[in-house]
């Protein structure tokens, strides 16, 4: 059986707040990648529930965090469509992502009238 591993490294400041997040995967070679945020969700088979880890660096801007979660939900829509073929559920998630994206864009325009549309 082939085995693949993903490694995460989190550098913390003195207050245990992430300063840097890096990761690498055995299937992707030795290259180390850097991230500003991670969101890991696992379905625990013994507990029959979701276990999750959310981490972000202190230099992650709020607007990027919002887009990160919208993108994550969009990826989940594709995953649910692929895993279950439930196109209705996938479309509802996509519609919510579109609504949230519009909300974030409206907020951005309110806060920065010179921002490009």
Protein backbone atom coordinates (compact mmCIF):
# COMPACT_ATOMS: atom_id res chain seq x y z
CA UNK A 1 0.00 0.00 0.00
CA UNK A 2 1.30 3.44 -0.95
CA UNK A 3 1.56 5.94 1.88
CA UNK A 4 1.36 9.72 1.56
CA UNK A 5 2.01 12.18 4.36
CA UNK A 6 1.38 15.88 4.89
CA UNK A 7 3.46 17.81 7.42
CA UNK A 8 2.58 21.16 8.99
CA UNK A 9 4.98 23.35 10.94
CA UNK A 10 3.69 26.24 13.04
CA UNK A 11 6.08 28.88 14.41
CA UNK A 12 4.59 30.53 17.51
CA UNK A 13 5.48 33.78 19.24
CA UNK A 14 5.91 34.04 23.02
CA UNK A 15 2.10 34.28 23.41
CA UNK A 16 1.60 31.10 21.34
CA UNK A 17 0.15 33.07 18.40
CA UNK A 18 1.17 31.69 14.98
CA UNK A 19 3.81 33.78 13.24
CA UNK A 20 4.48 31.40 10.36
CA UNK A 21 2.79 28.33 8.90
CA UNK A 22 4.59 26.02 6.52
CA UNK A 23 3.71 22.66 5.03
CA UNK A 24 4.98 19.99 2.72
CA UNK A 25 3.56 16.80 1.29
CA UNK A 26 5.49 13.66 0.43
CA UNK A 27 3.72 13.42 -2.95
CA UNK A 28 4.77 16.98 -3.82
CA UNK A 29 8.52 16.56 -3.35
CA UNK A 30 10.69 18.29 -0.77
CA UNK A 31 9.51 21.84 -1.43
CA UNK A 32 8.24 23.69 1.64
CA UNK A 33 5.15 25.85 1.09
CA UNK A 34 4.04 28.76 3.26
CA UNK A 35 0.53 29.75 4.27
CA UNK A 36 -1.15 32.51 6.24
CA UNK A 37 -4.00 30.26 7.41
CA UNK A 38 -5.05 26.63 7.58
CA UNK A 39 -8.39 25.01 8.20
CA UNK A 40 -8.32 21.26 8.70
CA UNK A 41 -11.46 19.23 9.25
CA UNK A 42 -11.48 15.51 9.96
CA UNK A 43 -14.39 13.14 10.40
CA UNK A 44 -13.49 11.13 13.49
CA UNK A 45 -14.76 7.62 12.85
CA UNK A 46 -14.86 6.69 16.54
CA UNK A 47 -16.69 9.84 17.67
CA UNK A 48 -18.74 10.14 14.44
CA UNK A 49 -18.11 13.86 14.50
CA UNK A 50 -15.92 16.57 13.06
CA UNK A 51 -12.58 17.45 14.59
CA UNK A 52 -11.06 20.66 13.32
CA UNK A 53 -8.05 22.90 13.52
CA UNK A 54 -8.16 26.58 12.52
CA UNK A 55 -4.93 28.56 12.62
CA UNK A 56 -3.90 31.83 11.04
CA UNK A 57 -0.85 34.03 11.30
CA UNK A 58 -1.05 37.44 12.85
CA UNK A 59 -0.27 39.01 9.46
CA UNK A 60 -3.40 37.48 7.85
CA UNK A 61 -5.59 40.44 6.83
CA UNK A 62 -9.26 40.27 7.77
CA UNK A 63 -10.47 40.61 4.17
CA UNK A 64 -8.19 37.75 3.06
CA UNK A 65 -9.54 35.64 5.95
CA UNK A 66 -13.09 36.20 4.71
CA UNK A 67 -12.12 35.21 1.16
CA UNK A 68 -10.26 32.18 2.52
CA UNK A 69 -13.43 30.89 4.17
CA UNK A 70 -15.56 31.63 1.11
CA UNK A 71 -13.05 29.73 -1.05
CA UNK A 72 -13.01 26.87 1.46
CA UNK A 73 -16.80 26.61 1.34
CA UNK A 74 -16.70 26.68 -2.47
CA UNK A 75 -14.23 23.81 -2.45
CA UNK A 76 -16.56 21.96 -0.08
CA UNK A 77 -19.39 22.41 -2.60
CA UNK A 78 -17.29 20.67 -5.23
CA UNK A 79 -16.30 17.95 -2.76
CA UNK A 80 -19.91 17.23 -1.78
CA UNK A 81 -20.90 17.05 -5.45
CA UNK A 82 -18.04 14.64 -6.21
CA UNK A 83 -18.41 12.51 -3.06
CA UNK A 84 -22.21 12.21 -2.94
CA UNK A 85 -23.48 13.46 -6.31
CA UNK A 86 -25.85 15.72 -4.35
CA UNK A 87 -25.91 18.56 -6.87
CA UNK A 88 -28.69 20.41 -5.01
CA UNK A 89 -26.63 20.65 -1.83
CA UNK A 90 -23.56 21.70 -3.82
CA UNK A 91 -25.54 24.43 -5.57
CA UNK A 92 -26.92 25.74 -2.26
CA UNK A 93 -23.38 26.03 -0.92
CA UNK A 94 -22.24 27.79 -4.12
CA UNK A 95 -25.18 30.20 -3.85
CA UNK A 96 -24.22 31.00 -0.25
CA UNK A 97 -20.61 31.58 -1.37
CA UNK A 98 -21.84 34.02 -4.03
CA UNK A 99 -23.96 35.84 -1.43
CA UNK A 100 -21.04 36.03 1.00
CA UNK A 101 -18.69 37.23 -1.73
CA UNK A 102 -21.12 40.04 -2.56
CA UNK A 103 -21.33 40.92 1.15
CA UNK A 104 -17.54 41.11 1.46
CA UNK A 105 -17.28 43.21 -1.71
CA UNK A 106 -19.97 45.61 -0.42
CA UNK A 107 -18.12 45.95 2.89
CA UNK A 108 -14.89 46.57 1.03
CA UNK A 109 -16.53 49.30 -1.06
CA UNK A 110 -18.00 50.93 2.07
CA UNK A 111 -14.66 50.89 3.84
CA UNK A 112 -12.63 51.94 0.79
CA UNK A 113 -14.65 53.85 -1.81
CA UNK A 114 -11.58 53.93 -4.09
CA UNK A 115 -11.32 50.11 -4.19
CA UNK A 116 -11.66 48.59 -7.65
CA UNK A 117 -14.91 46.79 -8.31
